[in-house]
Amino acid sequence: MPALEVYALADALRNCAAEADEAQHRLAVPTHVGGPLQTAVEAFLDSHRTAGHAVAGELRWLGETVSGVADSWLALDGALLARVRRPGVK
């Protein structure tokens, strides 16, 4: 897989993290349903905000990890090409 495609994957993961952040902020809007369901609705939204926060964090971490893989591939390619170009090295 070309390094540019790996970087594109990392960017896509970061974009998904941003969407997860946005979703958890949307769930923070106070919702008033009243009556006996109010507590259940608040707990439901709180658990989904927590899940959104966790998913966003994991996607950011994964994006950085994937980007690091592409960086290391490019560094390895550069090192190998530099070695091949040196005269007298076989």
PDB file of N, CA and C in Angstrom:
ATOM      1  N   MET A   1       0.858  -1.171   0.000  1.00  0.00           N
ATOM      2  CA  MET A   1       0.000   0.000   0.000  1.00  0.00           C
ATOM      3  C   MET A   1       0.904   1.234   0.000  1.00  0.00           C
ATOM      4  N   PRO A   2       0.709   2.152  -0.937  1.00  0.00           N
ATOM      5  CA  PRO A   2       1.529   3.365  -0.983  1.00  0.00           C
ATOM      6  C   PRO A   2       1.344   4.229   0.268  1.00  0.00           C
ATOM      7  N   ALA A   3       2.425   4.889   0.642  1.00  0.00           N
ATOM      8  CA  ALA A   3       2.393   5.721   1.853  1.00  0.00           C
ATOM      9  C   ALA A   3       1.316   6.803   1.767  1.00  0.00           C
ATOM     10  N   LEU A   4       1.096   7.366   0.580  1.00  0.00           N
ATOM     11  CA  LEU A   4       0.063   8.404   0.452  1.00  0.00           C
ATOM     12  C   LEU A   4      -1.319   7.860   0.787  1.00  0.00           C
ATOM     13  N   GLU A   5      -1.572   6.613   0.439  1.00  0.00           N
ATOM     14  CA  GLU A   5      -2.864   6.006   0.785  1.00  0.00           C
ATOM     15  C   GLU A   5      -2.963   5.762   2.289  1.00  0.00           C
ATOM     16  N   VAL A   6      -1.834   5.436   2.903  1.00  0.00           N
ATOM     17  CA  VAL A   6      -1.832   5.232   4.357  1.00  0.00           C
ATOM     18  C   VAL A   6      -2.088   6.569   5.059  1.00  0.00           C
ATOM     19  N   TYR A   7      -1.463   7.640   4.554  1.00  0.00           N
ATOM     20  CA  TYR A   7      -1.746   8.967   5.112  1.00  0.00           C
ATOM     21  C   TYR A   7      -3.219   9.349   4.915  1.00  0.00           C
ATOM     22  N   ALA A   8      -3.787   8.995   3.770  1.00  0.00           N
ATOM     23  CA  ALA A   8      -5.208   9.279   3.528  1.00  0.00           C
ATOM     24  C   ALA A   8      -6.085   8.518   4.525  1.00  0.00           C
ATOM     25  N   LEU A   9      -5.709   7.291   4.833  1.00  0.00           N
ATOM     26  CA  LEU A   9      -6.447   6.517   5.837  1.00  0.00           C
ATOM     27  C   LEU A   9      -6.356   7.197   7.202  1.00  0.00           C
ATOM     28  N   ALA A  10      -5.165   7.663   7.552  1.00  0.00           N
ATOM     29  CA  ALA A  10      -4.988   8.368   8.831  1.00  0.00           C
ATOM     30  C   ALA A  10      -5.869   9.613   8.879  1.00  0.00           C
ATOM     31  N   ASP A  11      -5.918  10.362   7.781  1.00  0.00           N
ATOM     32  CA  ASP A  11      -6.772  11.560   7.732  1.00  0.00           C
ATOM     33  C   ASP A  11      -8.243  11.193   7.867  1.00  0.00           C
ATOM     34  N   ALA A  12      -8.654  10.104   7.215  1.00  0.00           N
ATOM     35  CA  ALA A  12     -10.054   9.660   7.312  1.00  0.00           C
ATOM     36  C   ALA A  12     -10.396   9.292   8.755  1.00  0.00           C
ATOM     37  N   LEU A  13      -9.467   8.641   9.448  1.00  0.00           N
ATOM     38  CA  LEU A  13      -9.706   8.280  10.851  1.00  0.00           C
ATOM     39  C   LEU A  13      -9.828   9.526  11.720  1.00  0.00           C
ATOM     40  N   ARG A  14      -8.987  10.518  11.460  1.00  0.00           N
ATOM     41  CA  ARG A  14      -9.069  11.773  12.220  1.00  0.00           C
ATOM     42  C   ARG A  14     -10.395  12.487  11.946  1.00  0.00           C
ATOM     43  N   ASN A  15     -10.850  12.439  10.699  1.00  0.00           N
ATOM     44  CA  ASN A  15     -12.150  13.048  10.368  1.00  0.00           C
ATOM     45  C   ASN A  15     -13.286  12.337  11.092  1.00  0.00           C
ATOM     46  N   CYS A  16     -13.196  11.030  11.188  1.00  0.00           N
ATOM     47  CA  CYS A  16     -14.216  10.268  11.926  1.00  0.00           C
ATOM     48  C   CYS A  16     -14.183  10.633  13.407  1.00  0.00           C
ATOM     49  N   ALA A  17     -12.997  10.874  13.944  1.00  0.00           N
ATOM     50  CA  ALA A  17     -12.879  11.294  15.343  1.00  0.00           C
ATOM     51  C   ALA A  17     -13.575  12.635  15.550  1.00  0.00           C
ATOM     52  N   ALA A  18     -13.402  13.532  14.589  1.00  0.00           N
ATOM     53  CA  ALA A  18     -14.062  14.839  14.683  1.00  0.00           C
ATOM     54  C   ALA A  18     -15.586  14.683  14.642  1.00  0.00           C
ATOM     55  N   GLU A  19     -16.067  13.756  13.824  1.00  0.00           N
ATOM     56  CA  GLU A  19     -17.510  13.502  13.774  1.00  0.00           C
ATOM     57  C   GLU A  19     -18.013  12.925  15.100  1.00  0.00           C
ATOM     58  N   ALA A  20     -17.228  12.042  15.708  1.00  0.00           N
ATOM     59  CA  ALA A  20     -17.617  11.478  17.003  1.00  0.00           C
ATOM     60  C   ALA A  20     -17.635  12.572  18.070  1.00  0.00           C
ATOM     61  N   ASP A  21     -16.680  13.495  18.010  1.00  0.00           N
ATOM     62  CA  ASP A  21     -16.681  14.629  18.943  1.00  0.00           C
ATOM     63  C   ASP A  21     -17.936  15.465  18.751  1.00  0.00           C
ATOM     64  N   GLU A  22     -18.286  15.713  17.497  1.00  0.00           N
ATOM     65  CA  GLU A  22     -19.473  16.508  17.202  1.00  0.00           C
ATOM     66  C   GLU A  22     -20.738  15.817  17.719  1.00  0.00           C
ATOM     67  N   ALA A  23     -20.806  14.518  17.545  1.00  0.00           N
ATOM     68  CA  ALA A  23     -21.978  13.770  18.015  1.00  0.00           C
ATOM     69  C   ALA A  23     -22.119  13.862  19.532  1.00  0.00           C
ATOM     70  N   GLN A  24     -20.999  13.741  20.248  1.00  0.00           N
ATOM     71  CA  GLN A  24     -21.114  13.804  21.703  1.00  0.00           C
ATOM     72  C   GLN A  24     -21.526  15.198  22.164  1.00  0.00           C
ATOM     73  N   HIS A  25     -21.144  16.238  21.426  1.00  0.00           N
ATOM     74  CA  HIS A  25     -21.576  17.593  21.783  1.00  0.00           C
ATOM     75  C   HIS A  25     -23.066  17.785  21.497  1.00  0.00           C
ATOM     76  N   ARG A  26     -23.532  17.179  20.424  1.00  0.00           N
ATOM     77  CA  ARG A  26     -24.971  17.261  20.130  1.00  0.00           C
ATOM     78  C   ARG A  26     -25.796  16.579  21.219  1.00  0.00           C
ATOM     79  N   LEU A  27     -25.245  15.508  21.775  1.00  0.00           N
ATOM     80  CA  LEU A  27     -25.962  14.784  22.828  1.00  0.00           C
ATOM     81  C   LEU A  27     -25.939  15.531  24.156  1.00  0.00           C
ATOM     82  N   ALA A  28     -25.134  16.579  24.249  1.00  0.00           N
ATOM     83  CA  ALA A  28     -25.048  17.352  25.489  1.00  0.00           C
ATOM     84  C   ALA A  28     -26.173  18.373  25.620  1.00  0.00           C
ATOM     85  N   VAL A  29     -26.912  18.580  24.548  1.00  0.00           N
ATOM     86  CA  VAL A  29     -28.034  19.533  24.588  1.00  0.00           C
ATOM     87  C   VAL A  29     -29.074  19.010  25.580  1.00  0.00           C
ATOM     88  N   PRO A  30     -29.461  19.838  26.538  1.00  0.00           N
ATOM     89  CA  PRO A  30     -30.442  19.381  27.529  1.00  0.00           C
ATOM     90  C   PRO A  30     -31.758  18.958  26.867  1.00  0.00           C
ATOM     91  N   THR A  31     -32.235  17.835  27.263  1.00  0.00           N
ATOM     92  CA  THR A  31     -33.496  17.315  26.741  1.00  0.00           C
ATOM     93  C   THR A  31     -34.465  17.173  27.898  1.00  0.00           C
ATOM     94  N   HIS A  32     -35.595  17.796  27.740  1.00  0.00           N
ATOM     95  CA  HIS A  32     -36.595  17.707  28.801  1.00  0.00           C
ATOM     96  C   HIS A  32     -37.788  16.913  28.291  1.00  0.00           C
ATOM     97  N   VAL A  33     -37.957  15.737  28.870  1.00  0.00           N
ATOM     98  CA  VAL A  33     -39.131  14.931  28.534  1.00  0.00           C
ATOM     99  C   VAL A  33     -40.089  14.884  29.713  1.00  0.00           C
ATOM    100  N   GLY A  34     -39.554  15.194  30.879  1.00  0.00           N
ATOM    101  CA  GLY A  34     -40.386  15.241  32.074  1.00  0.00           C
ATOM    102  C   GLY A  34     -40.842  13.870  32.557  1.00  0.00           C
ATOM    103  N   GLY A  35     -41.477  13.875  33.665  1.00  0.00           N
ATOM    104  CA  GLY A  35     -42.049  12.659  34.224  1.00  0.00           C
ATOM    105  C   GLY A  35     -41.009  11.599  34.577  1.00  0.00           C
ATOM    106  N   PRO A  36     -41.463  10.372  34.667  1.00  0.00           N
ATOM    107  CA  PRO A  36     -40.580   9.290  35.113  1.00  0.00           C
ATOM    108  C   PRO A  36     -39.495   8.925  34.089  1.00  0.00           C
ATOM    109  N   LEU A  37     -39.636   9.362  32.846  1.00  0.00           N
ATOM    110  CA  LEU A  37     -38.632   9.040  31.827  1.00  0.00           C
ATOM    111  C   LEU A  37     -37.416   9.964  31.858  1.00  0.00           C
ATOM    112  N   GLN A  38     -37.518  11.106  32.532  1.00  0.00           N
ATOM    113  CA  GLN A  38     -36.431  12.093  32.510  1.00  0.00           C
ATOM    114  C   GLN A  38     -35.102  11.482  32.963  1.00  0.00           C
ATOM    115  N   THR A  39     -35.111  10.755  34.057  1.00  0.00           N
ATOM    116  CA  THR A  39     -33.876  10.160  34.571  1.00  0.00           C
ATOM    117  C   THR A  39     -33.302   9.157  33.578  1.00  0.00           C
ATOM    118  N   ALA A  40     -34.158   8.340  32.973  1.00  0.00           N
ATOM    119  CA  ALA A  40     -33.696   7.342  32.003  1.00  0.00           C
ATOM    120  C   ALA A  40     -33.115   8.012  30.761  1.00  0.00           C
ATOM    121  N   VAL A  41     -33.753   9.080  30.296  1.00  0.00           N
ATOM    122  CA  VAL A  41     -33.260   9.796  29.123  1.00  0.00           C
ATOM    123  C   VAL A  41     -31.897  10.415  29.421  1.00  0.00           C
ATOM    124  N   GLU A  42     -31.759  11.029  30.591  1.00  0.00           N
ATOM    125  CA  GLU A  42     -30.474  11.628  30.962  1.00  0.00           C
ATOM    126  C   GLU A  42     -29.382  10.579  31.057  1.00  0.00           C
ATOM    127  N   ALA A  43     -29.686   9.426  31.623  1.00  0.00           N
ATOM    128  CA  ALA A  43     -28.696   8.341  31.723  1.00  0.00           C
ATOM    129  C   ALA A  43     -28.326   7.815  30.335  1.00  0.00           C
ATOM    130  N   PHE A  44     -29.323   7.671  29.479  1.00  0.00           N
ATOM    131  CA  PHE A  44     -29.089   7.217  28.108  1.00  0.00           C
ATOM    132  C   PHE A  44     -28.150   8.177  27.375  1.00  0.00           C
ATOM    133  N   LEU A  45     -28.445   9.468  27.446  1.00  0.00           N
ATOM    134  CA  LEU A  45     -27.615  10.459  26.763  1.00  0.00           C
ATOM    135  C   LEU A  45     -26.212  10.511  27.360  1.00  0.00           C
ATOM    136  N   ASP A  46     -26.117  10.401  28.668  1.00  0.00           N
ATOM    137  CA  ASP A  46     -24.808  10.412  29.317  1.00  0.00           C
ATOM    138  C   ASP A  46     -23.964   9.221  28.862  1.00  0.00           C
ATOM    139  N   SER A  47     -24.561   8.050  28.786  1.00  0.00           N
ATOM    140  CA  SER A  47     -23.798   6.869  28.356  1.00  0.00           C
ATOM    141  C   SER A  47     -23.361   7.001  26.901  1.00  0.00           C
ATOM    142  N   HIS A  48     -24.191   7.609  26.066  1.00  0.00           N
ATOM    143  CA  HIS A  48     -23.820   7.793  24.667  1.00  0.00           C
ATOM    144  C   HIS A  48     -22.766   8.898  24.502  1.00  0.00           C
ATOM    145  N   ARG A  49     -22.806   9.915  25.341  1.00  0.00           N
ATOM    146  CA  ARG A  49     -21.735  10.923  25.324  1.00  0.00           C
ATOM    147  C   ARG A  49     -20.418  10.276  25.711  1.00  0.00           C
ATOM    148  N   THR A  50     -20.444   9.424  26.723  1.00  0.00           N
ATOM    149  CA  THR A  50     -19.235   8.730  27.166  1.00  0.00           C
ATOM    150  C   THR A  50     -18.703   7.829  26.058  1.00  0.00           C
ATOM    151  N   ALA A  51     -19.592   7.106  25.403  1.00  0.00           N
ATOM    152  CA  ALA A  51     -19.175   6.239  24.298  1.00  0.00           C
ATOM    153  C   ALA A  51     -18.605   7.072  23.153  1.00  0.00           C
ATOM    154  N   GLY A  52     -19.228   8.193  22.829  1.00  0.00           N
ATOM    155  CA  GLY A  52     -18.716   9.065  21.771  1.00  0.00           C
ATOM    156  C   GLY A  52     -17.339   9.591  22.095  1.00  0.00           C
ATOM    157  N   HIS A  53     -17.127   9.953  23.349  1.00  0.00           N
ATOM    158  CA  HIS A  53     -15.811  10.425  23.786  1.00  0.00           C
ATOM    159  C   HIS A  53     -14.761   9.320  23.620  1.00  0.00           C
ATOM    160  N   ALA A  54     -15.114   8.105  24.022  1.00  0.00           N
ATOM    161  CA  ALA A  54     -14.182   6.976  23.906  1.00  0.00           C
ATOM    162  C   ALA A  54     -13.879   6.653  22.448  1.00  0.00           C
ATOM    163  N   VAL A  55     -14.905   6.633  21.608  1.00  0.00           N
ATOM    164  CA  VAL A  55     -14.707   6.333  20.186  1.00  0.00           C
ATOM    165  C   VAL A  55     -13.836   7.407  19.539  1.00  0.00           C
ATOM    166  N   ALA A  56     -14.097   8.658  19.844  1.00  0.00           N
ATOM    167  CA  ALA A  56     -13.294   9.748  19.279  1.00  0.00           C
ATOM    168  C   ALA A  56     -11.831   9.604  19.684  1.00  0.00           C
ATOM    169  N   GLY A  57     -11.598   9.303  20.939  1.00  0.00           N
ATOM    170  CA  GLY A  57     -10.223   9.122  21.404  1.00  0.00           C
ATOM    171  C   GLY A  57      -9.522   7.969  20.713  1.00  0.00           C
ATOM    172  N   GLU A  58     -10.215   6.864  20.563  1.00  0.00           N
ATOM    173  CA  GLU A  58      -9.628   5.704  19.885  1.00  0.00           C
ATOM    174  C   GLU A  58      -9.345   6.009  18.416  1.00  0.00           C
ATOM    175  N   LEU A  59     -10.250   6.715  17.754  1.00  0.00           N
ATOM    176  CA  LEU A  59     -10.030   7.056  16.347  1.00  0.00           C
ATOM    177  C   LEU A  59      -8.859   8.016  16.180  1.00  0.00           C
ATOM    178  N   ARG A  60      -8.722   8.980  17.103  1.00  0.00           N
ATOM    179  CA  ARG A  60      -7.568   9.890  17.047  1.00  0.00           C
ATOM    180  C   ARG A  60      -6.276   9.108  17.236  1.00  0.00           C
ATOM    181  N   TRP A  61      -6.257   8.219  18.236  1.00  0.00           N
ATOM    182  CA  TRP A  61      -5.072   7.398  18.491  1.00  0.00           C
ATOM    183  C   TRP A  61      -4.741   6.545  17.262  1.00  0.00           C
ATOM    184  N   LEU A  62      -5.741   5.915  16.688  1.00  0.00           N
ATOM    185  CA  LEU A  62      -5.524   5.064  15.531  1.00  0.00           C
ATOM    186  C   LEU A  62      -5.021   5.883  14.346  1.00  0.00           C
ATOM    187  N   GLY A  63      -5.573   7.068  14.140  1.00  0.00           N
ATOM    188  CA  GLY A  63      -5.100   7.938  13.067  1.00  0.00           C
ATOM    189  C   GLY A  63      -3.636   8.295  13.233  1.00  0.00           C
ATOM    190  N   GLU A  64      -3.238   8.631  14.456  1.00  0.00           N
ATOM    191  CA  GLU A  64      -1.829   8.955  14.711  1.00  0.00           C
ATOM    192  C   GLU A  64      -0.932   7.733  14.508  1.00  0.00           C
ATOM    193  N   THR A  65      -1.410   6.572  14.918  1.00  0.00           N
ATOM    194  CA  THR A  65      -0.633   5.338  14.752  1.00  0.00           C
ATOM    195  C   THR A  65      -0.453   5.009  13.275  1.00  0.00           C
ATOM    196  N   VAL A  66      -1.526   5.110  12.508  1.00  0.00           N
ATOM    197  CA  VAL A  66      -1.456   4.833  11.071  1.00  0.00           C
ATOM    198  C   VAL A  66      -0.520   5.835  10.393  1.00  0.00           C
ATOM    199  N   SER A  67      -0.596   7.085  10.781  1.00  0.00           N
ATOM    200  CA  SER A  67       0.306   8.093  10.235  1.00  0.00           C
ATOM    201  C   SER A  67       1.762   7.774  10.581  1.00  0.00           C
ATOM    202  N   GLY A  68       1.996   7.302  11.788  1.00  0.00           N
ATOM    203  CA  GLY A  68       3.341   6.897  12.199  1.00  0.00           C
ATOM    204  C   GLY A  68       3.869   5.730  11.378  1.00  0.00           C
ATOM    205  N   VAL A  69       2.983   4.820  11.013  1.00  0.00           N
ATOM    206  CA  VAL A  69       3.383   3.698  10.152  1.00  0.00           C
ATOM    207  C   VAL A  69       3.844   4.233   8.798  1.00  0.00           C
ATOM    208  N   ALA A  70       3.086   5.147   8.222  1.00  0.00           N
ATOM    209  CA  ALA A  70       3.468   5.725   6.928  1.00  0.00           C
ATOM    210  C   ALA A  70       4.799   6.457   7.042  1.00  0.00           C
ATOM    211  N   ASP A  71       4.984   7.191   8.133  1.00  0.00           N
ATOM    212  CA  ASP A  71       6.264   7.882   8.355  1.00  0.00           C
ATOM    213  C   ASP A  71       7.416   6.890   8.374  1.00  0.00           C
ATOM    214  N   SER A  72       7.220   5.776   9.080  1.00  0.00           N
ATOM    215  CA  SER A  72       8.315   4.802   9.186  1.00  0.00           C
ATOM    216  C   SER A  72       8.576   4.115   7.845  1.00  0.00           C
ATOM    217  N   TRP A  73       7.515   3.880   7.062  1.00  0.00           N
ATOM    218  CA  TRP A  73       7.710   3.298   5.727  1.00  0.00           C
ATOM    219  C   TRP A  73       8.548   4.229   4.860  1.00  0.00           C
ATOM    220  N   LEU A  74       8.223   5.524   4.898  1.00  0.00           N
ATOM    221  CA  LEU A  74       8.988   6.483   4.099  1.00  0.00           C
ATOM    222  C   LEU A  74      10.432   6.568   4.567  1.00  0.00           C
ATOM    223  N   ALA A  75      10.642   6.527   5.869  1.00  0.00           N
ATOM    224  CA  ALA A  75      12.011   6.560   6.399  1.00  0.00           C
ATOM    225  C   ALA A  75      12.782   5.311   5.971  1.00  0.00           C
ATOM    226  N   LEU A  76      12.144   4.159   6.035  1.00  0.00           N
ATOM    227  CA  LEU A  76      12.795   2.915   5.604  1.00  0.00           C
ATOM    228  C   LEU A  76      13.105   2.969   4.113  1.00  0.00           C
ATOM    229  N   ASP A  77      12.141   3.403   3.311  1.00  0.00           N
ATOM    230  CA  ASP A  77      12.389   3.540   1.871  1.00  0.00           C
ATOM    231  C   ASP A  77      13.561   4.462   1.600  1.00  0.00           C
ATOM    232  N   GLY A  78      13.596   5.593   2.297  1.00  0.00           N
ATOM    233  CA  GLY A  78      14.693   6.544   2.121  1.00  0.00           C
ATOM    234  C   GLY A  78      16.033   5.945   2.494  1.00  0.00           C
ATOM    235  N   ALA A  79      16.054   5.203   3.593  1.00  0.00           N
ATOM    236  CA  ALA A  79      17.310   4.577   4.029  1.00  0.00           C
ATOM    237  C   ALA A  79      17.761   3.518   3.029  1.00  0.00           C
ATOM    238  N   LEU A  80      16.829   2.735   2.530  1.00  0.00           N
ATOM    239  CA  LEU A  80      17.189   1.699   1.558  1.00  0.00           C
ATOM    240  C   LEU A  80      17.658   2.307   0.247  1.00  0.00           C
ATOM    241  N   LEU A  81      16.977   3.338  -0.213  1.00  0.00           N
ATOM    242  CA  LEU A  81      17.385   3.985  -1.449  1.00  0.00           C
ATOM    243  C   LEU A  81      18.735   4.668  -1.303  1.00  0.00           C
ATOM    244  N   ALA A  82      18.992   5.275  -0.162  1.00  0.00           N
ATOM    245  CA  ALA A  82      20.285   5.917   0.071  1.00  0.00           C
ATOM    246  C   ALA A  82      21.398   4.869   0.048  1.00  0.00           C
ATOM    247  N   ARG A  83      21.140   3.714   0.585  1.00  0.00           N
ATOM    248  CA  ARG A  83      22.148   2.650   0.609  1.00  0.00           C
ATOM    249  C   ARG A  83      22.427   2.138  -0.801  1.00  0.00           C
ATOM    250  N   VAL A  84      21.392   1.997  -1.610  1.00  0.00           N
ATOM    251  CA  VAL A  84      21.545   1.498  -2.979  1.00  0.00           C
ATOM    252  C   VAL A  84      22.321   2.498  -3.833  1.00  0.00           C
ATOM    253  N   ARG A  85      22.142   3.775  -3.582  1.00  0.00           N
ATOM    254  CA  ARG A  85      22.782   4.810  -4.399  1.00  0.00           C
ATOM    255  C   ARG A  85      24.239   5.036  -4.052  1.00  0.00           C
ATOM    256  N   ARG A  86      24.718   4.522  -2.909  1.00  0.00           N
ATOM    257  CA  ARG A  86      26.118   4.738  -2.535  1.00  0.00           C
ATOM    258  C   ARG A  86      27.037   3.881  -3.416  1.00  0.00           C
ATOM    259  N   PRO A  87      28.062   4.474  -3.952  1.00  0.00           N
ATOM    260  CA  PRO A  87      28.980   3.685  -4.766  1.00  0.00           C
ATOM    261  C   PRO A  87      29.734   2.667  -3.911  1.00  0.00           C
ATOM    262  N   GLY A  88      29.934   1.519  -4.462  1.00  0.00           N
ATOM    263  CA  GLY A  88      30.690   0.483  -3.769  1.00  0.00           C
ATOM    264  C   GLY A  88      29.885  -0.344  -2.809  1.00  0.00           C
ATOM    265  N   VAL A  89      28.607  -0.037  -2.607  1.00  0.00           N
ATOM    266  CA  VAL A  89      27.750  -0.814  -1.695  1.00  0.00           C
ATOM    267  C   VAL A  89      26.943  -1.796  -2.529  1.00  0.00           C
ATOM    268  N   LYS A  90      26.997  -3.024  -2.116  1.00  0.00           N
ATOM    269  CA  LYS A  90      26.225  -4.048  -2.828  1.00  0.00           C
ATOM    270  C   LYS A  90      25.186  -4.650  -1.931  1.00  0.00           C
TER     271      LYS A  90
END
